[in-house]
C-alpha cells in the first residue's frame, strides 16, 4: 500500500454502515489509529495480507459507493452554493441568493 488517501475518511463517515465488520475494523485501525498491517493482523487474528485485503476492499467499496450514490459530491456542491448565497446576501443581492439556495438538491 502506498500512502493513505485521507479523503477516504470522509467517505467512511458517509458509507461505513455498508462495509463488513472486518472491513470497518481494519479501516479504523489503519486510518484512525495509525496501526501497521502487522499490528492490525495480530488484533483481528488474520495474516498481514488478510488485514491489507480488508483495507483495500473497504477503500474500493467506499469509492464505488461514492461513484454510484454521490453523497459526498452533493454535500460539497451544496456547501459551495451556500457559501455563494452568503456572499450574495452580503453584497445585498438577496434575489440571486434565494435562487442559489432554491437550486440546492440533496
N, C-alpha and C. Protein backbone atom coordinates (compact mmCIF):
# COMPACT_ATOMS: atom_id res chain seq x y z
N UNK A 1 0.86 -1.17 0.00
CA UNK A 1 0.00 0.00 0.00
C UNK A 1 0.90 1.23 0.00
N UNK A 2 0.55 2.16 -0.81
CA UNK A 2 1.34 3.39 -0.86
C UNK A 2 0.90 4.30 0.27
N UNK A 3 0.66 5.56 0.02
CA UNK A 3 0.23 6.49 1.06
C UNK A 3 -1.25 6.37 1.36
N UNK A 4 -1.62 6.93 2.49
CA UNK A 4 -3.03 6.93 2.88
C UNK A 4 -3.75 8.07 2.19
N UNK A 5 -4.89 7.77 1.61
CA UNK A 5 -5.74 8.78 0.98
C UNK A 5 -6.76 9.22 2.03
N UNK A 6 -6.48 10.34 2.68
CA UNK A 6 -7.32 10.77 3.79
C UNK A 6 -8.71 11.23 3.36
N UNK A 7 -8.92 11.44 2.06
CA UNK A 7 -10.28 11.76 1.61
C UNK A 7 -11.21 10.56 1.81
N UNK A 8 -10.63 9.38 1.96
CA UNK A 8 -11.44 8.19 2.22
C UNK A 8 -12.09 8.23 3.59
N UNK A 9 -11.52 9.01 4.51
CA UNK A 9 -12.09 9.11 5.85
C UNK A 9 -13.48 9.74 5.79
N UNK A 10 -13.66 10.75 4.96
CA UNK A 10 -14.99 11.36 4.81
C UNK A 10 -15.95 10.36 4.18
N UNK A 11 -15.48 9.63 3.18
CA UNK A 11 -16.34 8.60 2.58
C UNK A 11 -16.71 7.54 3.62
N UNK A 12 -15.77 7.22 4.50
CA UNK A 12 -16.05 6.25 5.56
C UNK A 12 -17.15 6.78 6.47
N UNK A 13 -17.09 8.07 6.80
CA UNK A 13 -18.14 8.66 7.64
C UNK A 13 -19.52 8.52 7.00
N UNK A 14 -19.56 8.61 5.70
CA UNK A 14 -20.83 8.54 4.97
C UNK A 14 -21.30 7.10 4.78
N UNK A 15 -20.40 6.22 4.35
CA UNK A 15 -20.80 4.89 3.89
C UNK A 15 -20.38 3.72 4.77
N UNK A 16 -19.81 3.95 5.94
CA UNK A 16 -19.27 2.85 6.74
C UNK A 16 -20.30 1.77 7.07
N UNK A 17 -21.55 2.14 7.19
CA UNK A 17 -22.59 1.15 7.52
C UNK A 17 -22.73 0.09 6.43
N UNK A 18 -22.22 0.37 5.24
CA UNK A 18 -22.33 -0.57 4.13
C UNK A 18 -21.15 -1.55 4.05
N UNK A 19 -20.16 -1.37 4.91
CA UNK A 19 -18.99 -2.24 4.91
C UNK A 19 -19.19 -3.41 5.87
N UNK A 20 -18.43 -4.48 5.65
CA UNK A 20 -18.47 -5.61 6.59
C UNK A 20 -17.77 -5.21 7.88
N UNK A 21 -18.01 -5.96 8.94
CA UNK A 21 -17.38 -5.66 10.23
C UNK A 21 -15.86 -5.72 10.13
N UNK A 22 -15.32 -6.72 9.44
CA UNK A 22 -13.87 -6.85 9.28
C UNK A 22 -13.29 -5.67 8.50
N UNK A 23 -14.00 -5.23 7.47
CA UNK A 23 -13.55 -4.08 6.69
C UNK A 23 -13.55 -2.82 7.54
N UNK A 24 -14.62 -2.61 8.31
CA UNK A 24 -14.71 -1.43 9.18
C UNK A 24 -13.59 -1.44 10.22
N UNK A 25 -13.45 -2.58 10.86
CA UNK A 25 -12.45 -2.71 11.92
C UNK A 25 -11.03 -2.45 11.37
N UNK A 26 -10.71 -3.07 10.27
CA UNK A 26 -9.38 -2.90 9.67
C UNK A 26 -9.16 -1.46 9.22
N UNK A 27 -10.17 -0.87 8.57
CA UNK A 27 -10.08 0.50 8.10
C UNK A 27 -9.83 1.45 9.28
N UNK A 28 -10.58 1.28 10.35
CA UNK A 28 -10.45 2.15 11.51
C UNK A 28 -9.07 2.02 12.15
N UNK A 29 -8.58 0.81 12.30
CA UNK A 29 -7.25 0.62 12.88
C UNK A 29 -6.18 1.29 12.01
N UNK A 30 -6.34 1.18 10.71
CA UNK A 30 -5.34 1.71 9.79
C UNK A 30 -5.40 3.23 9.68
N UNK A 31 -6.60 3.77 9.48
CA UNK A 31 -6.75 5.21 9.24
C UNK A 31 -6.87 6.03 10.53
N UNK A 32 -7.57 5.53 11.51
CA UNK A 32 -7.82 6.31 12.71
C UNK A 32 -6.78 6.08 13.80
N UNK A 33 -6.33 4.84 13.93
CA UNK A 33 -5.38 4.51 14.99
C UNK A 33 -3.94 4.44 14.48
N UNK A 34 -3.77 4.55 13.15
CA UNK A 34 -2.46 4.55 12.51
C UNK A 34 -1.63 3.31 12.84
N UNK A 35 -2.30 2.16 12.92
CA UNK A 35 -1.60 0.90 13.18
C UNK A 35 -1.02 0.33 11.89
N UNK A 36 0.03 -0.42 12.02
CA UNK A 36 0.62 -1.09 10.86
C UNK A 36 -0.22 -2.30 10.49
N UNK A 37 0.03 -2.83 9.31
CA UNK A 37 -0.70 -4.02 8.88
C UNK A 37 -0.42 -5.19 9.81
N UNK A 38 0.80 -5.31 10.28
CA UNK A 38 1.15 -6.40 11.21
C UNK A 38 0.39 -6.27 12.52
N UNK A 39 0.28 -5.04 13.02
CA UNK A 39 -0.46 -4.82 14.27
C UNK A 39 -1.94 -5.13 14.09
N UNK A 40 -2.48 -4.71 12.97
CA UNK A 40 -3.90 -4.99 12.69
C UNK A 40 -4.12 -6.49 12.58
N UNK A 41 -3.24 -7.16 11.86
CA UNK A 41 -3.37 -8.61 11.67
C UNK A 41 -3.39 -9.33 13.01
N UNK A 42 -2.54 -8.91 13.92
CA UNK A 42 -2.49 -9.53 15.24
C UNK A 42 -3.79 -9.31 16.00
N UNK A 43 -4.32 -8.11 15.94
CA UNK A 43 -5.54 -7.78 16.68
C UNK A 43 -6.75 -8.54 16.14
N UNK A 44 -6.87 -8.63 14.81
CA UNK A 44 -8.07 -9.25 14.24
C UNK A 44 -7.85 -10.73 13.89
N UNK A 45 -6.71 -11.25 14.31
CA UNK A 45 -6.40 -12.68 14.16
C UNK A 45 -6.45 -13.13 12.70
N UNK A 46 -5.64 -12.46 11.90
CA UNK A 46 -5.51 -12.84 10.49
C UNK A 46 -4.06 -12.60 10.08
N UNK A 47 -3.77 -12.85 8.83
CA UNK A 47 -2.42 -12.58 8.33
C UNK A 47 -2.29 -11.10 7.98
N UNK A 48 -1.06 -10.68 7.77
CA UNK A 48 -0.80 -9.30 7.35
C UNK A 48 -1.50 -9.05 6.02
N UNK A 49 -1.44 -10.04 5.12
CA UNK A 49 -2.10 -9.93 3.82
C UNK A 49 -3.61 -9.85 3.99
N UNK A 50 -4.16 -10.59 4.93
CA UNK A 50 -5.59 -10.53 5.20
C UNK A 50 -6.03 -9.16 5.67
N UNK A 51 -5.22 -8.55 6.54
CA UNK A 51 -5.52 -7.19 7.01
C UNK A 51 -5.47 -6.22 5.84
N UNK A 52 -4.44 -6.34 5.01
CA UNK A 52 -4.30 -5.47 3.84
C UNK A 52 -5.50 -5.64 2.91
N UNK A 53 -5.89 -6.88 2.67
CA UNK A 53 -7.03 -7.15 1.78
C UNK A 53 -8.31 -6.50 2.31
N UNK A 54 -8.52 -6.56 3.62
CA UNK A 54 -9.70 -5.93 4.22
C UNK A 54 -9.71 -4.42 3.97
N UNK A 55 -8.55 -3.79 4.14
CA UNK A 55 -8.44 -2.34 3.96
C UNK A 55 -8.65 -1.96 2.50
N UNK A 56 -7.99 -2.69 1.60
CA UNK A 56 -8.12 -2.40 0.16
C UNK A 56 -9.56 -2.60 -0.29
N UNK A 57 -10.20 -3.66 0.18
CA UNK A 57 -11.59 -3.93 -0.18
C UNK A 57 -12.50 -2.80 0.34
N UNK A 58 -12.24 -2.34 1.56
CA UNK A 58 -13.03 -1.23 2.13
C UNK A 58 -12.84 0.03 1.30
N UNK A 59 -11.59 0.34 0.94
CA UNK A 59 -11.31 1.54 0.13
C UNK A 59 -12.03 1.47 -1.21
N UNK A 60 -11.94 0.33 -1.87
CA UNK A 60 -12.61 0.19 -3.17
C UNK A 60 -14.11 0.31 -3.03
N UNK A 61 -14.66 -0.27 -1.98
CA UNK A 61 -16.11 -0.19 -1.77
C UNK A 61 -16.54 1.25 -1.53
N UNK A 62 -15.80 1.98 -0.71
CA UNK A 62 -16.14 3.38 -0.42
C UNK A 62 -16.13 4.22 -1.69
N UNK A 63 -15.11 4.03 -2.50
CA UNK A 63 -15.02 4.78 -3.77
C UNK A 63 -16.16 4.38 -4.71
N UNK A 64 -16.50 3.12 -4.72
CA UNK A 64 -17.58 2.62 -5.57
C UNK A 64 -18.94 3.19 -5.12
N UNK A 65 -19.16 3.22 -3.80
CA UNK A 65 -20.41 3.78 -3.29
C UNK A 65 -20.53 5.26 -3.67
N UNK A 66 -19.43 5.99 -3.53
CA UNK A 66 -19.47 7.41 -3.87
C UNK A 66 -19.71 7.60 -5.36
N UNK A 67 -19.09 6.76 -6.17
CA UNK A 67 -19.30 6.86 -7.63
C UNK A 67 -20.76 6.64 -7.99
N UNK A 68 -21.39 5.69 -7.32
CA UNK A 68 -22.78 5.35 -7.64
C UNK A 68 -23.79 6.31 -6.97
N UNK A 69 -23.53 6.70 -5.73
CA UNK A 69 -24.51 7.48 -4.98
C UNK A 69 -24.18 8.98 -4.92
N UNK A 70 -22.92 9.33 -4.91
CA UNK A 70 -22.50 10.72 -4.97
C UNK A 70 -22.88 11.58 -3.78
N UNK A 71 -23.03 11.01 -2.61
CA UNK A 71 -23.44 11.79 -1.44
C UNK A 71 -22.39 12.84 -1.08
N UNK A 72 -21.12 12.47 -1.08
CA UNK A 72 -20.05 13.42 -0.75
C UNK A 72 -20.04 14.58 -1.74
N UNK A 73 -20.18 14.27 -3.03
CA UNK A 73 -20.17 15.32 -4.05
C UNK A 73 -21.37 16.25 -3.89
N UNK A 74 -22.54 15.69 -3.58
CA UNK A 74 -23.73 16.52 -3.37
C UNK A 74 -23.54 17.44 -2.17
N UNK A 75 -22.93 16.91 -1.12
CA UNK A 75 -22.64 17.70 0.07
C UNK A 75 -21.70 18.85 -0.26
N UNK A 76 -20.63 18.55 -0.99
CA UNK A 76 -19.65 19.58 -1.36
C UNK A 76 -20.28 20.64 -2.27
N UNK A 77 -21.11 20.21 -3.20
CA UNK A 77 -21.81 21.16 -4.08
C UNK A 77 -22.74 22.07 -3.28
N UNK A 78 -23.46 21.49 -2.34
CA UNK A 78 -24.37 22.28 -1.51
C UNK A 78 -23.58 23.27 -0.67
N UNK A 79 -22.46 22.84 -0.13
CA UNK A 79 -21.61 23.72 0.67
C UNK A 79 -21.13 24.92 -0.15
N UNK A 80 -20.72 24.68 -1.40
CA UNK A 80 -20.27 25.77 -2.27
C UNK A 80 -21.41 26.73 -2.57
N UNK A 81 -22.60 26.19 -2.82
CA UNK A 81 -23.76 27.05 -3.11
C UNK A 81 -24.17 27.87 -1.90
N UNK A 82 -24.05 27.31 -0.73
CA UNK A 82 -24.38 28.07 0.49
C UNK A 82 -23.39 29.22 0.66
N UNK A 83 -22.10 28.93 0.44
CA UNK A 83 -21.09 29.99 0.53
C UNK A 83 -21.37 31.09 -0.50
N UNK A 84 -21.77 30.68 -1.70
CA UNK A 84 -22.10 31.65 -2.75
C UNK A 84 -23.30 32.50 -2.33
N UNK A 85 -24.30 31.85 -1.77
CA UNK A 85 -25.51 32.58 -1.34
C UNK A 85 -25.17 33.56 -0.22
N UNK A 86 -24.32 33.17 0.71
CA UNK A 86 -23.91 34.06 1.79
C UNK A 86 -23.22 35.29 1.22
N UNK A 87 -22.34 35.05 0.24
CA UNK A 87 -21.64 36.16 -0.40
C UNK A 87 -22.62 37.10 -1.10
N UNK A 88 -23.60 36.53 -1.78
CA UNK A 88 -24.61 37.35 -2.46
C UNK A 88 -25.43 38.17 -1.46
N UNK A 89 -25.78 37.57 -0.34
CA UNK A 89 -26.54 38.29 0.68
C UNK A 89 -25.70 39.44 1.23
N UNK A 90 -24.43 39.19 1.47
CA UNK A 90 -23.54 40.24 1.97
C UNK A 90 -23.40 41.39 0.98
N UNK A 91 -23.54 41.08 -0.31
CA UNK A 91 -23.49 42.11 -1.35
C UNK A 91 -24.88 42.66 -1.67
N UNK A 92 -25.84 42.36 -0.79
CA UNK A 92 -27.21 42.85 -0.90
C UNK A 92 -27.90 42.39 -2.19
N UNK A 93 -27.56 41.19 -2.64
CA UNK A 93 -28.20 40.61 -3.83
C UNK A 93 -29.04 39.41 -3.36
N UNK A 94 -30.08 39.74 -2.60
CA UNK A 94 -30.89 38.70 -1.97
C UNK A 94 -31.67 37.85 -2.98
N UNK A 95 -32.07 38.44 -4.07
CA UNK A 95 -32.84 37.69 -5.08
C UNK A 95 -31.99 36.55 -5.67
N UNK A 96 -30.76 36.86 -6.06
CA UNK A 96 -29.89 35.82 -6.60
C UNK A 96 -29.48 34.81 -5.52
N UNK A 97 -29.33 35.28 -4.29
CA UNK A 97 -29.01 34.38 -3.18
C UNK A 97 -30.14 33.37 -3.00
N UNK A 98 -31.36 33.84 -3.06
CA UNK A 98 -32.52 32.96 -2.93
C UNK A 98 -32.55 31.94 -4.06
N UNK A 99 -32.26 32.37 -5.29
CA UNK A 99 -32.22 31.45 -6.43
C UNK A 99 -31.17 30.37 -6.23
N UNK A 100 -29.99 30.76 -5.75
CA UNK A 100 -28.92 29.77 -5.50
C UNK A 100 -29.39 28.75 -4.45
N UNK A 101 -29.98 29.24 -3.37
CA UNK A 101 -30.43 28.36 -2.31
C UNK A 101 -31.54 27.43 -2.77
N UNK A 102 -32.43 27.90 -3.62
CA UNK A 102 -33.53 27.08 -4.12
C UNK A 102 -33.04 25.95 -5.04
N UNK A 103 -31.86 26.12 -5.60
CA UNK A 103 -31.33 25.11 -6.52
C UNK A 103 -30.48 24.05 -5.83
N UNK A 104 -30.35 24.13 -4.53
CA UNK A 104 -29.59 23.10 -3.81
C UNK A 104 -30.42 21.83 -3.75
N UNK A 105 -29.83 20.75 -4.20
CA UNK A 105 -30.52 19.46 -4.24
C UNK A 105 -29.74 18.42 -3.45
N UNK A 106 -30.46 17.61 -2.69
CA UNK A 106 -29.84 16.51 -1.94
C UNK A 106 -30.38 15.19 -2.41
